[in-house]
């Protein structure tokens, strides 16, 4: 399109009130977050982060995102110093959940305002406000807004929208918000490509879009280079080994894609625990995906250039999330936070009739677009009312996930992790066991269940469940077999213990396999092998000797089976 969609203003409420009204509605819709707490990764990044207690330039700007978090010994590849800097504000204000959530909400409202101001340069005030309302209220935004650790998505989106707005105004300061976006989330480095989609949507010709895009790339070069230089000088980890995870996720990609598409029109059931293998396993998957696809196709038919450019922007913004979905097998709603801004813009611009530039006097007679927007807003408010209580604490988050996707092995495992953190080991054992009744078998469930089960259940019950755990793939997990070796041998079931030892396929971090090997060697009179195992014991031969003797004494006390 060559210019804004305009019409003569009607008498009534001035369009200048649209922005504050949209922000007020969004603020009211998300106000329940003041009752929410810290969940999941928040406990590490905010509550157990030595960087916040003892901040320094090096800790914030020269290390990875997870540096300083107690219990995180492996460096991550994420570099987000501005997000950590924002967490310092939370820490200085006393680490209270309602304060952190108000900060997140303020960032979300800022993004809504930026989107409206940006679109007002191309659309009527009514349509720009409609896009802001769609973006601000969509229930898919609940993870990005309600999860404090997802502040990176809010800050990166603010930087991207701020850069676009300054470029529209031809401001030489446009590189600053871009640098902020890249220092908040790595995927912001794709901004030059996003900009190409934006210009294609609004410039009068393809040639004009290309010329302006290239010129603006040069303006933005400092904002691109500075974060990259800082990242090169930071101590970061390597990306995770993802071969196994990707092979597990590939068969479910079509369902994952259908779920993401369907959630645009029917955002339910939403849960932080939605995994690839559970994606789309609800009755309205294909109808909702079809509604979204038809709507997007209709918009493309109405305005091919504008819609294609905005879709390109949204697709490129989502592109980095594909690797995360493959790596972790988890569909994060927050991955759609920035793409939704562009899809909301496309939808608002393509409403069947114009939203009024002002609310009319006289009898109420709203255009169809305004009526549809009002009905959708009521549904969105209802969905947020249902969803936001999930974020009260970590346990409520995963309990809610279990109610929505009860057949997900992942959410049962995550509930087990939280119960174990609280010291509720019997309940954690039950959650892990429920997780392993499902597929695929999850890492932490496998690595924790054998230790917990050996300590709490009779050996007969452990053996009864071992077949299920083994069949689920737990024997691929380090640490799973170790407690089982020792429990079987201590109960006198040496043939079973030896058979399990010989067929083991993964390293035991605590080297309980060496204890069993040494006990077998002493039992058989092979002192040379027993001595070799003792010499390799990290805590010294004395400690090793004590453990081996204890195991042998248990053998003498228990009948051989």
Protein backbone atom coordinates (compact mmCIF):
# COMPACT_ATOMS: atom_id res chain seq x y z
CA UNK A 1 0.00 0.00 0.00
CA UNK A 2 1.18 3.47 -0.74
CA UNK A 3 -0.33 5.26 2.26
CA UNK A 4 -2.48 4.95 5.35
CA UNK A 5 -6.05 3.75 5.19
CA UNK A 6 -7.95 6.96 6.06
CA UNK A 7 -11.52 8.09 6.40
CA UNK A 8 -13.19 11.23 7.66
CA UNK A 9 -13.45 11.17 11.43
CA UNK A 10 -16.88 10.75 12.95
CA UNK A 11 -18.00 12.90 15.87
CA UNK A 12 -17.45 11.40 19.29
CA UNK A 13 -14.49 10.24 21.32
CA UNK A 14 -11.22 11.46 19.83
CA UNK A 15 -8.81 8.84 18.42
CA UNK A 16 -6.19 10.21 20.80
CA UNK A 17 -7.97 8.22 23.49
CA UNK A 18 -7.51 4.90 21.68
CA UNK A 19 -4.03 4.25 23.00
CA UNK A 20 -4.78 4.91 26.70
CA UNK A 21 -8.02 2.91 26.43
CA UNK A 22 -6.23 -0.12 24.92
CA UNK A 23 -3.50 0.10 27.56
CA UNK A 24 -6.10 0.33 30.34
CA UNK A 25 -7.95 -2.75 29.07
CA UNK A 26 -4.72 -4.72 28.76
CA UNK A 27 -3.52 -3.65 32.21
CA UNK A 28 -6.84 -4.72 33.76
CA UNK A 29 -6.76 -8.05 31.91
CA UNK A 30 -3.30 -8.90 33.24
CA UNK A 31 -3.75 -7.43 36.73
CA UNK A 32 -4.17 -10.89 38.28
CA UNK A 33 -0.41 -11.31 37.87
CA UNK A 34 0.10 -9.28 41.01
CA UNK A 35 -0.94 -12.47 42.85
CA UNK A 36 1.59 -14.63 40.99
CA UNK A 37 4.97 -15.75 42.23
CA UNK A 38 8.23 -17.13 40.92
CA UNK A 39 8.04 -20.37 38.97
CA UNK A 40 10.35 -22.85 37.28
CA UNK A 41 13.53 -21.12 36.01
CA UNK A 42 12.71 -18.02 38.08
CA UNK A 43 13.89 -19.88 41.18
CA UNK A 44 17.38 -20.20 39.70
CA UNK A 45 17.74 -16.98 37.73
CA UNK A 46 16.39 -14.73 40.48
CA UNK A 47 16.41 -16.59 43.79
CA UNK A 48 19.60 -18.63 43.51
CA UNK A 49 21.74 -16.30 41.41
CA UNK A 50 24.95 -15.09 43.05
CA UNK A 51 25.35 -12.52 40.26
CA UNK A 52 22.39 -10.59 41.66
CA UNK A 53 23.77 -10.69 45.19
CA UNK A 54 27.29 -9.68 44.13
CA UNK A 55 26.99 -7.92 40.75
CA UNK A 56 30.02 -6.99 38.71
CA UNK A 57 30.75 -5.99 35.13
CA UNK A 58 32.34 -9.37 34.51
CA UNK A 59 29.48 -11.40 35.96
CA UNK A 60 26.82 -9.56 33.96
CA UNK A 61 28.59 -8.68 30.70
CA UNK A 62 31.33 -11.29 30.28
CA UNK A 63 29.46 -14.53 31.01
CA UNK A 64 26.47 -16.51 29.86
CA UNK A 65 22.87 -15.97 30.95
CA UNK A 66 23.00 -18.69 33.62
CA UNK A 67 26.33 -17.69 35.12
CA UNK A 68 26.15 -17.50 38.91
CA UNK A 69 23.08 -19.70 39.25
CA UNK A 70 23.72 -22.25 41.97
CA UNK A 71 23.60 -25.80 40.67
CA UNK A 72 24.26 -24.78 37.05
CA UNK A 73 27.77 -25.99 36.37
CA UNK A 74 27.55 -26.07 32.57
CA UNK A 75 27.82 -22.84 30.60
CA UNK A 76 24.94 -22.03 28.26
CA UNK A 77 25.23 -20.43 24.78
CA UNK A 78 22.81 -17.64 25.77
CA UNK A 79 24.14 -14.09 26.16
CA UNK A 80 21.52 -11.72 27.61
CA UNK A 81 23.25 -9.16 29.84
CA UNK A 82 20.43 -6.62 29.66
CA UNK A 83 17.95 -9.17 31.01
CA UNK A 84 20.28 -9.96 33.92
CA UNK A 85 20.65 -6.21 34.48
CA UNK A 86 16.86 -5.96 34.70
CA UNK A 87 16.83 -8.76 37.27
CA UNK A 88 19.13 -6.61 39.38
CA UNK A 89 16.22 -4.18 39.72
CA UNK A 90 14.00 -7.00 41.00
CA UNK A 91 16.71 -7.99 43.47
CA UNK A 92 17.20 -4.46 44.76
CA UNK A 93 13.44 -4.15 45.28
CA UNK A 94 13.41 -7.25 47.46
CA UNK A 95 12.63 -10.10 45.04
CA UNK A 96 8.88 -9.99 45.51
CA UNK A 97 6.81 -11.78 42.91
CA UNK A 98 4.28 -9.00 42.43
CA UNK A 99 7.05 -6.47 41.71
CA UNK A 100 8.68 -8.72 39.11
CA UNK A 101 5.34 -9.32 37.44
CA UNK A 102 4.55 -5.62 37.37
CA UNK A 103 7.87 -5.04 35.60
CA UNK A 104 6.95 -7.68 33.03
CA UNK A 105 3.51 -6.16 32.60
CA UNK A 106 5.00 -2.68 32.14
CA UNK A 107 7.25 -4.04 29.38
CA UNK A 108 4.27 -5.72 27.71
CA UNK A 109 2.23 -2.51 27.80
CA UNK A 110 5.21 -0.62 26.38
CA UNK A 111 5.28 -3.07 23.47
CA UNK A 112 1.55 -2.61 22.89
CA UNK A 113 2.05 1.17 22.81
CA UNK A 114 5.01 0.89 20.43
CA UNK A 115 3.04 -1.32 18.06
CA UNK A 116 0.09 1.09 17.99
CA UNK A 117 2.31 4.13 17.37
CA UNK A 118 4.19 2.25 14.67
CA UNK A 119 1.02 1.18 12.85
CA UNK A 120 -0.57 4.62 13.09
CA UNK A 121 1.91 5.65 10.41
CA UNK A 122 0.30 3.18 7.99
CA UNK A 123 -3.24 2.49 9.21
CA UNK A 124 -6.14 4.48 10.63
CA UNK A 125 -6.07 5.02 14.41
CA UNK A 126 -8.92 2.54 14.81
CA UNK A 127 -7.10 -0.23 12.98
CA UNK A 128 -3.82 0.48 14.77
CA UNK A 129 -5.61 0.31 18.12
CA UNK A 130 -7.29 -2.95 17.08
CA UNK A 131 -3.88 -4.48 16.30
CA UNK A 132 -2.60 -3.34 19.68
CA UNK A 133 -5.59 -4.91 21.43
CA UNK A 134 -5.17 -8.21 19.55
CA UNK A 135 -1.49 -8.28 20.41
CA UNK A 136 -1.96 -7.20 24.01
CA UNK A 137 -4.81 -9.52 24.96
CA UNK A 138 -4.11 -12.70 23.01
CA UNK A 139 -3.93 -15.59 25.52
CA UNK A 140 -0.88 -16.97 23.70
CA UNK A 141 1.04 -14.09 25.28
CA UNK A 142 0.48 -15.47 28.79
CA UNK A 143 3.78 -17.34 28.99
CA UNK A 144 5.88 -14.38 27.85
CA UNK A 145 4.09 -11.94 30.16
CA UNK A 146 3.47 -14.16 33.20
CA UNK A 147 6.83 -15.92 33.37
CA UNK A 148 9.48 -13.61 34.79
CA UNK A 149 12.28 -15.58 33.12
CA UNK A 150 10.67 -14.90 29.73
CA UNK A 151 11.42 -11.20 30.12
CA UNK A 152 13.99 -11.67 27.37
CA UNK A 153 11.13 -11.96 24.83
CA UNK A 154 9.47 -8.79 26.12
CA UNK A 155 12.70 -6.78 26.07
CA UNK A 156 13.81 -8.05 22.67
CA UNK A 157 10.40 -7.28 21.16
CA UNK A 158 10.48 -3.78 22.64
CA UNK A 159 13.88 -3.23 21.03
CA UNK A 160 12.68 -4.46 17.64
CA UNK A 161 9.49 -2.36 17.65
CA UNK A 162 11.41 0.66 18.94
CA UNK A 163 13.93 0.31 16.13
CA UNK A 164 11.16 0.17 13.53
CA UNK A 165 9.45 3.23 14.99
CA UNK A 166 12.68 5.27 14.97
CA UNK A 167 13.41 4.15 11.42
CA UNK A 168 9.93 5.32 10.38
CA UNK A 169 10.84 8.70 11.85
CA UNK A 170 14.26 8.53 10.15
CA UNK A 171 16.00 8.95 13.49
CA UNK A 172 19.77 8.34 13.63
CA UNK A 173 19.24 6.77 17.08
CA UNK A 174 17.55 3.68 15.64
CA UNK A 175 20.65 1.54 16.27
CA UNK A 176 20.30 1.92 20.06
CA UNK A 177 17.09 -0.11 20.58
CA UNK A 178 18.40 -2.69 18.13
CA UNK A 179 21.53 -3.16 20.25
CA UNK A 180 19.30 -3.48 23.32
CA UNK A 181 17.21 -6.14 21.57
CA UNK A 182 20.29 -8.18 20.66
CA UNK A 183 21.60 -7.92 24.23
CA UNK A 184 18.26 -9.27 25.44
CA UNK A 185 17.81 -12.19 23.05
CA UNK A 186 20.12 -13.62 20.41
CA UNK A 187 17.43 -14.08 17.75
CA UNK A 188 17.20 -10.27 17.39
CA UNK A 189 20.26 -10.57 15.15
CA UNK A 190 17.77 -11.48 12.40
CA UNK A 191 16.45 -7.90 12.43
CA UNK A 192 17.92 -6.96 9.02
CA UNK A 193 15.79 -9.71 7.47
CA UNK A 194 12.75 -8.70 9.51
CA UNK A 195 13.20 -5.15 8.26
CA UNK A 196 13.12 -6.39 4.67
CA UNK A 197 9.71 -7.98 5.31
CA UNK A 198 8.44 -4.78 6.95
CA UNK A 199 9.53 -2.56 4.08
CA UNK A 200 8.09 -4.97 1.52
CA UNK A 201 4.72 -4.66 3.29
CA UNK A 202 4.48 -0.87 3.22
CA UNK A 203 6.67 0.64 0.49
CA UNK A 204 4.93 1.42 -2.84
CA UNK A 205 7.22 -0.78 -4.96
CA UNK A 206 9.64 -3.63 -4.44
CA UNK A 207 12.48 -1.46 -5.71
CA UNK A 208 11.65 1.30 -3.21
CA UNK A 209 11.49 -1.29 -0.42
CA UNK A 210 14.90 -2.68 -1.38
CA UNK A 211 16.55 0.75 -1.61
CA UNK A 212 15.23 1.91 1.74
CA UNK A 213 16.08 -1.40 3.43
CA UNK A 214 19.71 -1.31 2.28
CA UNK A 215 20.07 2.32 3.34
CA UNK A 216 18.68 1.51 6.79
CA UNK A 217 20.98 -1.48 7.17
CA UNK A 218 23.89 0.94 7.03
CA UNK A 219 22.32 3.12 9.73
CA UNK A 220 21.87 0.07 11.95
CA UNK A 221 25.38 -1.33 11.54
CA UNK A 222 26.69 -0.04 14.93
CA UNK A 223 23.69 -1.57 16.70
CA UNK A 224 24.47 -4.91 15.11
CA UNK A 225 28.23 -4.92 15.63
CA UNK A 226 28.44 -3.82 19.28
CA UNK A 227 26.44 -6.77 20.71
CA UNK A 228 28.33 -9.20 18.49
CA UNK A 229 31.68 -7.87 19.76
CA UNK A 230 30.52 -8.13 23.37
CA UNK A 231 29.35 -11.67 22.75
CA UNK A 232 32.68 -12.68 21.20
CA UNK A 233 34.45 -11.56 24.37
CA UNK A 234 32.06 -13.37 26.73
CA UNK A 235 32.62 -16.80 28.27
CA UNK A 236 29.80 -18.86 26.77
CA UNK A 237 29.03 -22.54 26.44
CA UNK A 238 28.39 -24.68 23.40
CA UNK A 239 24.91 -25.51 22.11
CA UNK A 240 23.50 -28.72 23.60
CA UNK A 241 23.99 -32.13 22.02
CA UNK A 242 20.66 -32.39 20.24
CA UNK A 243 20.91 -35.45 18.01
CA UNK A 244 18.72 -37.69 20.15
CA UNK A 245 16.22 -34.92 20.94
CA UNK A 246 15.82 -33.94 17.29
CA UNK A 247 15.23 -37.53 16.20
CA UNK A 248 12.54 -37.84 18.89
CA UNK A 249 10.86 -34.58 17.80
CA UNK A 250 10.81 -35.01 14.01
CA UNK A 251 7.84 -37.44 13.84
CA UNK A 252 5.67 -34.88 15.65
CA UNK A 253 6.56 -31.75 13.69
CA UNK A 254 3.38 -31.72 11.61
CA UNK A 255 1.27 -31.86 14.78
CA UNK A 256 3.40 -29.16 16.37
CA UNK A 257 2.91 -26.90 13.36
CA UNK A 258 -0.84 -27.55 13.36
CA UNK A 259 -1.05 -26.72 17.08
CA UNK A 260 0.80 -23.44 16.69
CA UNK A 261 -1.44 -22.49 13.78
CA UNK A 262 -4.59 -23.58 15.61
CA UNK A 263 -3.72 -21.62 18.77
CA UNK A 264 -3.87 -18.39 16.77
CA UNK A 265 -7.65 -18.76 16.49
CA UNK A 266 -8.47 -21.11 19.40
CA UNK A 267 -5.73 -20.67 22.02
CA UNK A 268 -6.68 -23.66 24.18
CA UNK A 269 -5.47 -25.76 25.90
CA UNK A 270 -2.46 -23.61 26.74
CA UNK A 271 0.14 -24.93 29.13
CA UNK A 272 3.83 -24.41 29.70
CA UNK A 273 4.16 -28.19 29.55
CA UNK A 274 2.99 -28.69 25.96
CA UNK A 275 5.45 -31.07 24.32
CA UNK A 276 5.85 -32.24 20.75
CA UNK A 277 4.40 -35.67 21.32
CA UNK A 278 1.30 -34.18 22.99
CA UNK A 279 0.88 -31.34 20.48
CA UNK A 280 -2.41 -31.32 18.72
CA UNK A 281 -4.00 -34.18 20.65
CA UNK A 282 -7.22 -32.34 21.31
CA UNK A 283 -10.48 -32.48 19.31
CA UNK A 284 -10.53 -29.01 17.75
CA UNK A 285 -6.94 -29.13 16.43
CA UNK A 286 -7.66 -29.39 12.73
CA UNK A 287 -10.77 -27.14 12.67
CA UNK A 288 -8.90 -24.39 14.52
CA UNK A 289 -5.84 -24.79 12.30
CA UNK A 290 -8.10 -24.60 9.25
CA UNK A 291 -9.74 -21.39 10.53
CA UNK A 292 -6.31 -19.80 11.04
CA UNK A 293 -5.05 -20.93 7.63
CA UNK A 294 -8.18 -19.67 5.84
CA UNK A 295 -7.99 -16.32 7.63
CA UNK A 296 -4.34 -15.87 6.71
CA UNK A 297 -5.11 -16.87 3.13
CA UNK A 298 -8.02 -14.42 2.94
CA UNK A 299 -5.83 -11.57 4.17
CA UNK A 300 -3.20 -12.51 1.60
CA UNK A 301 -5.85 -12.42 -1.12
CA UNK A 302 -7.13 -8.99 0.00
CA UNK A 303 -3.72 -7.33 0.20
CA UNK A 304 -0.99 -9.58 -1.26
CA UNK A 305 2.00 -7.26 -0.77
CA UNK A 306 1.12 -6.04 2.71
CA UNK A 307 0.17 -9.45 4.05
CA UNK A 308 3.13 -11.22 2.45
CA UNK A 309 5.56 -8.75 3.98
CA UNK A 310 4.05 -9.03 7.46
CA UNK A 311 3.89 -12.84 7.20
CA UNK A 312 7.55 -12.89 6.16
CA UNK A 313 8.42 -10.79 9.21
CA UNK A 314 6.44 -13.13 11.50
CA UNK A 315 7.93 -16.28 9.97
CA UNK A 316 11.50 -15.01 10.27
CA UNK A 317 10.87 -13.90 13.85
CA UNK A 318 9.65 -17.42 14.66
CA UNK A 319 12.46 -19.18 12.76
CA UNK A 320 14.96 -19.46 15.69
CA UNK A 321 12.26 -21.11 17.82
CA UNK A 322 12.23 -24.12 15.52
CA UNK A 323 15.64 -25.20 16.77
CA UNK A 324 14.50 -24.82 20.39
CA UNK A 325 11.38 -26.88 19.73
CA UNK A 326 13.55 -29.59 18.18
CA UNK A 327 16.21 -29.46 20.90
CA UNK A 328 13.93 -29.50 23.93
CA UNK A 329 10.76 -31.05 22.54
CA UNK A 330 8.80 -28.26 24.23
CA UNK A 331 6.48 -25.79 22.49
CA UNK A 332 6.93 -22.41 24.14
CA UNK A 333 4.02 -20.02 23.65
CA UNK A 334 6.52 -17.19 24.13
CA UNK A 335 8.07 -18.09 20.77
CA UNK A 336 5.04 -16.44 19.14
CA UNK A 337 5.28 -13.18 21.09
CA UNK A 338 6.89 -11.01 18.38
CA UNK A 339 5.31 -12.89 15.43
CA UNK A 340 1.88 -12.14 16.93
CA UNK A 341 2.55 -8.41 16.65
CA UNK A 342 2.86 -8.71 12.87
CA UNK A 343 -0.05 -11.11 12.51
CA UNK A 344 -2.21 -8.75 14.57
CA UNK A 345 -1.18 -5.90 12.25
CA UNK A 346 -2.15 -7.94 9.18
CA UNK A 347 -5.50 -8.89 10.67
CA UNK A 348 -6.38 -5.38 11.84
CA UNK A 349 -5.47 -3.95 8.44
CA UNK A 350 -7.68 -6.49 6.69
CA UNK A 351 -10.88 -6.19 8.75
CA UNK A 352 -13.94 -6.38 6.46
CA UNK A 353 -14.91 -2.80 7.27
CA UNK A 354 -13.03 0.05 8.87
CA UNK A 355 -12.98 0.59 12.58
CA UNK A 356 -14.23 4.12 13.29
CA UNK A 357 -11.71 6.87 13.72
CA UNK A 358 -13.85 7.96 16.65
CA UNK A 359 -16.72 6.43 18.60
CA UNK A 360 -19.91 7.75 16.98
CA UNK A 361 -22.65 9.67 18.72
CA UNK A 362 -26.23 8.52 18.57
CA UNK A 363 -27.58 4.97 18.58
CA UNK A 364 -24.89 2.30 18.90
CA UNK A 365 -24.18 0.78 15.51
CA UNK A 366 -20.71 -0.69 15.41
CA UNK A 367 -19.13 -1.97 12.20
CA UNK A 368 -18.73 -5.71 11.86
CA UNK A 369 -14.98 -5.52 12.47
CA UNK A 370 -15.48 -3.71 15.77
CA UNK A 371 -18.17 -6.19 16.83
CA UNK A 372 -15.93 -9.16 16.05
CA UNK A 373 -13.08 -7.52 17.93
CA UNK A 374 -15.33 -6.97 20.96
CA UNK A 375 -16.51 -10.60 21.01
CA UNK A 376 -12.95 -11.85 20.61
CA UNK A 377 -11.78 -9.60 23.47
CA UNK A 378 -14.40 -11.06 25.82
CA UNK A 379 -13.23 -14.58 24.95
CA UNK A 380 -9.59 -13.58 25.45
CA UNK A 381 -10.36 -12.07 28.86
CA UNK A 382 -12.10 -15.28 29.89
CA UNK A 383 -9.12 -17.40 28.76
CA UNK A 384 -6.68 -15.17 30.68
CA UNK A 385 -8.90 -15.40 33.77
CA UNK A 386 -8.59 -19.19 33.56
CA UNK A 387 -4.89 -19.29 32.74
CA UNK A 388 -3.21 -16.68 34.96
CA UNK A 389 -3.80 -18.51 38.30
CA UNK A 390 -1.48 -21.24 36.99
CA UNK A 391 1.45 -18.93 37.72
CA UNK A 392 0.94 -18.72 41.49
CA UNK A 393 3.94 -20.99 42.08
CA UNK A 394 5.83 -23.82 40.40
CA UNK A 395 3.68 -26.58 41.85
CA UNK A 396 0.44 -24.95 40.68
CA UNK A 397 1.98 -24.42 37.23
CA UNK A 398 2.65 -28.12 36.75
CA UNK A 399 -0.55 -29.27 38.45
CA UNK A 400 -2.47 -27.12 35.96
CA UNK A 401 -0.42 -28.61 33.12
CA UNK A 402 -1.34 -32.12 34.27
CA UNK A 403 -5.04 -31.19 34.25
CA UNK A 404 -4.74 -29.96 30.66
CA UNK A 405 -2.38 -32.59 29.22
CA UNK A 406 -2.62 -35.53 31.66
CA UNK A 407 -0.89 -37.95 29.30
CA UNK A 408 2.34 -35.90 29.07
CA UNK A 409 5.40 -37.56 30.55
CA UNK A 410 7.10 -34.17 30.67
CA UNK A 411 4.67 -32.42 33.01
CA UNK A 412 4.62 -35.33 35.48
CA UNK A 413 8.43 -35.21 35.53
CA UNK A 414 8.47 -31.46 36.11
CA UNK A 415 6.02 -31.79 38.98
CA UNK A 416 8.30 -34.47 40.42
CA UNK A 417 11.29 -32.12 40.18
CA UNK A 418 9.43 -29.44 42.14
CA UNK A 419 8.19 -31.86 44.80
CA UNK A 420 11.71 -33.21 45.21
CA UNK A 421 13.03 -29.65 45.57
CA UNK A 422 10.56 -29.17 48.40
CA UNK A 423 11.74 -32.37 50.11
CA UNK A 424 8.48 -34.25 49.42
CA UNK A 425 10.26 -37.36 48.19
CA UNK A 426 7.32 -39.79 48.38
CA UNK A 427 5.15 -37.52 46.22
CA UNK A 428 8.06 -36.88 43.88
CA UNK A 429 8.54 -40.64 43.47
CA UNK A 430 4.85 -41.04 42.56
CA UNK A 431 5.11 -38.21 39.99
CA UNK A 432 8.26 -39.69 38.41
CA UNK A 433 6.64 -43.14 38.29
CA UNK A 434 3.58 -41.65 36.57
CA UNK A 435 5.89 -39.93 34.09
CA UNK A 436 7.58 -43.21 33.20
CA UNK A 437 4.25 -44.89 32.52
CA UNK A 438 4.10 -42.55 29.52
CA UNK A 439 6.39 -41.97 26.55
CA UNK A 440 9.01 -40.84 25.97
CA UNK A 441 10.91 -41.53 29.17
CA UNK A 442 12.28 -38.24 30.51
CA UNK A 443 15.82 -37.69 31.69
CA UNK A 444 15.23 -36.40 35.22
CA UNK A 445 12.51 -38.94 35.91
CA UNK A 446 14.90 -41.75 34.97
CA UNK A 447 17.86 -40.33 36.88
CA UNK A 448 15.89 -39.77 40.10
CA UNK A 449 13.43 -42.62 40.26
CA UNK A 450 15.82 -45.48 40.99
CA UNK A 451 17.40 -43.69 43.97
CA UNK A 452 14.00 -42.70 45.37
CA UNK A 453 12.40 -46.09 44.77
CA UNK A 454 15.28 -48.07 46.34
CA UNK A 455 15.03 -45.88 49.42
CA UNK A 456 11.25 -46.03 49.83
CA UNK A 457 9.83 -49.18 48.24
CA UNK A 458 10.31 -52.89 48.95
CA UNK A 459 12.71 -54.45 46.48
CA UNK A 460 9.92 -56.60 45.03
CA UNK A 461 7.98 -53.51 44.02
CA UNK A 462 11.11 -51.92 42.57
CA UNK A 463 11.74 -55.02 40.47
CA UNK A 464 8.13 -55.03 39.32
CA UNK A 465 8.46 -51.48 37.99
CA UNK A 466 12.00 -51.87 36.62
CA UNK A 467 10.67 -53.57 33.51
CA UNK A 468 8.48 -50.54 32.71
CA UNK A 469 11.31 -48.09 33.36
CA UNK A 470 13.78 -50.11 31.30
CA UNK A 471 11.33 -50.44 28.41
CA UNK A 472 10.85 -46.69 28.39
CA UNK A 473 14.53 -46.09 27.71
CA UNK A 474 15.82 -45.25 31.20
CA UNK A 475 18.88 -47.45 30.75
CA UNK A 476 20.23 -44.80 28.37
CA UNK A 477 20.36 -42.31 31.25
CA UNK A 478 23.47 -41.93 33.43
CA UNK A 479 22.90 -42.77 37.07
CA UNK A 480 19.76 -44.82 36.57
CA UNK A 481 21.31 -48.29 36.98
CA UNK A 482 23.64 -47.49 39.88
CA UNK A 483 21.14 -47.73 42.77
CA UNK A 484 19.61 -50.84 41.20
CA UNK A 485 22.99 -52.66 41.04
CA UNK A 486 23.59 -52.05 44.71
CA UNK A 487 20.04 -52.83 45.85
CA UNK A 488 19.98 -56.17 44.02
CA UNK A 489 23.41 -57.19 45.29
CA UNK A 490 22.67 -56.09 48.86
CA UNK A 491 19.54 -58.23 48.81
CA UNK A 492 21.57 -61.25 47.71
CA UNK A 493 20.38 -61.23 44.12
CA UNK A 494 23.91 -61.33 42.74
CA UNK A 495 23.16 -63.03 39.41
CA UNK A 496 20.62 -60.32 38.56
CA UNK A 497 22.99 -57.58 39.71
CA UNK A 498 25.87 -58.97 37.64
CA UNK A 499 23.68 -59.44 34.57
CA UNK A 500 22.49 -55.87 34.85
CA UNK A 501 26.06 -54.63 35.31
CA UNK A 502 27.29 -56.42 32.23
CA UNK A 503 24.43 -55.14 30.07
CA UNK A 504 24.65 -51.54 31.31
CA UNK A 505 25.11 -48.97 28.58
CA UNK A 506 25.65 -45.68 30.42
CA UNK A 507 28.24 -44.31 32.82
CA UNK A 508 27.21 -44.00 36.49
CA UNK A 509 28.39 -40.58 37.79
CA UNK A 510 28.75 -41.99 41.34
CA UNK A 511 30.62 -45.07 40.06
CA UNK A 512 28.50 -47.53 41.98
CA UNK A 513 29.33 -49.98 39.20
CA UNK A 514 32.91 -50.02 40.53
CA UNK A 515 31.67 -50.94 44.01
CA UNK A 516 29.80 -53.90 42.56
CA UNK A 517 32.79 -54.89 40.41
CA UNK A 518 35.08 -54.79 43.45
CA UNK A 519 32.68 -56.86 45.55
CA UNK A 520 32.42 -59.45 42.78
CA UNK A 521 36.22 -59.55 42.48
CA UNK A 522 36.67 -60.10 46.24
CA UNK A 523 33.94 -62.71 46.27
CA UNK A 524 35.73 -64.59 43.50
CA UNK A 525 39.18 -64.10 45.07
CA UNK A 526 40.46 -61.78 42.31
CA UNK A 527 42.45 -59.43 44.55
CA UNK A 528 44.27 -57.85 41.60
CA UNK A 529 41.02 -56.64 40.01
CA UNK A 530 39.67 -55.51 43.38
CA UNK A 531 42.84 -53.49 43.99
CA UNK A 532 42.66 -51.92 40.53
CA UNK A 533 39.09 -50.79 41.17
CA UNK A 534 40.09 -49.39 44.58
CA UNK A 535 42.93 -47.39 43.03
CA UNK A 536 40.46 -45.71 40.66
CA UNK A 537 38.01 -44.72 43.39
CA UNK A 538 37.93 -40.89 43.58
CA UNK A 539 37.50 -40.76 47.37
CA UNK A 540 40.41 -43.07 48.12
CA UNK A 541 40.91 -46.78 48.65
CA UNK A 542 39.72 -46.66 52.27
CA UNK A 543 36.29 -45.35 51.34
CA UNK A 544 36.05 -47.81 48.51
CA UNK A 545 37.07 -50.69 50.79
CA UNK A 546 34.33 -49.80 53.29
CA UNK A 547 31.62 -49.73 50.65
CA UNK A 548 32.72 -53.03 49.13
CA UNK A 549 32.83 -54.73 52.54
CA UNK A 550 29.38 -53.41 53.40
CA UNK A 551 28.03 -54.86 50.18
CA UNK A 552 29.70 -58.21 50.84
CA UNK A 553 28.37 -58.30 54.40
CA UNK A 554 24.89 -57.75 53.06
CA UNK A 555 25.51 -60.63 50.69
CA UNK A 556 26.48 -62.95 53.54
CA UNK A 557 23.40 -61.89 55.50
CA UNK A 558 20.97 -62.34 52.60
CA UNK A 559 20.09 -65.63 50.90
CA UNK A 560 21.47 -66.12 47.40
CA UNK A 561 18.83 -66.05 44.68
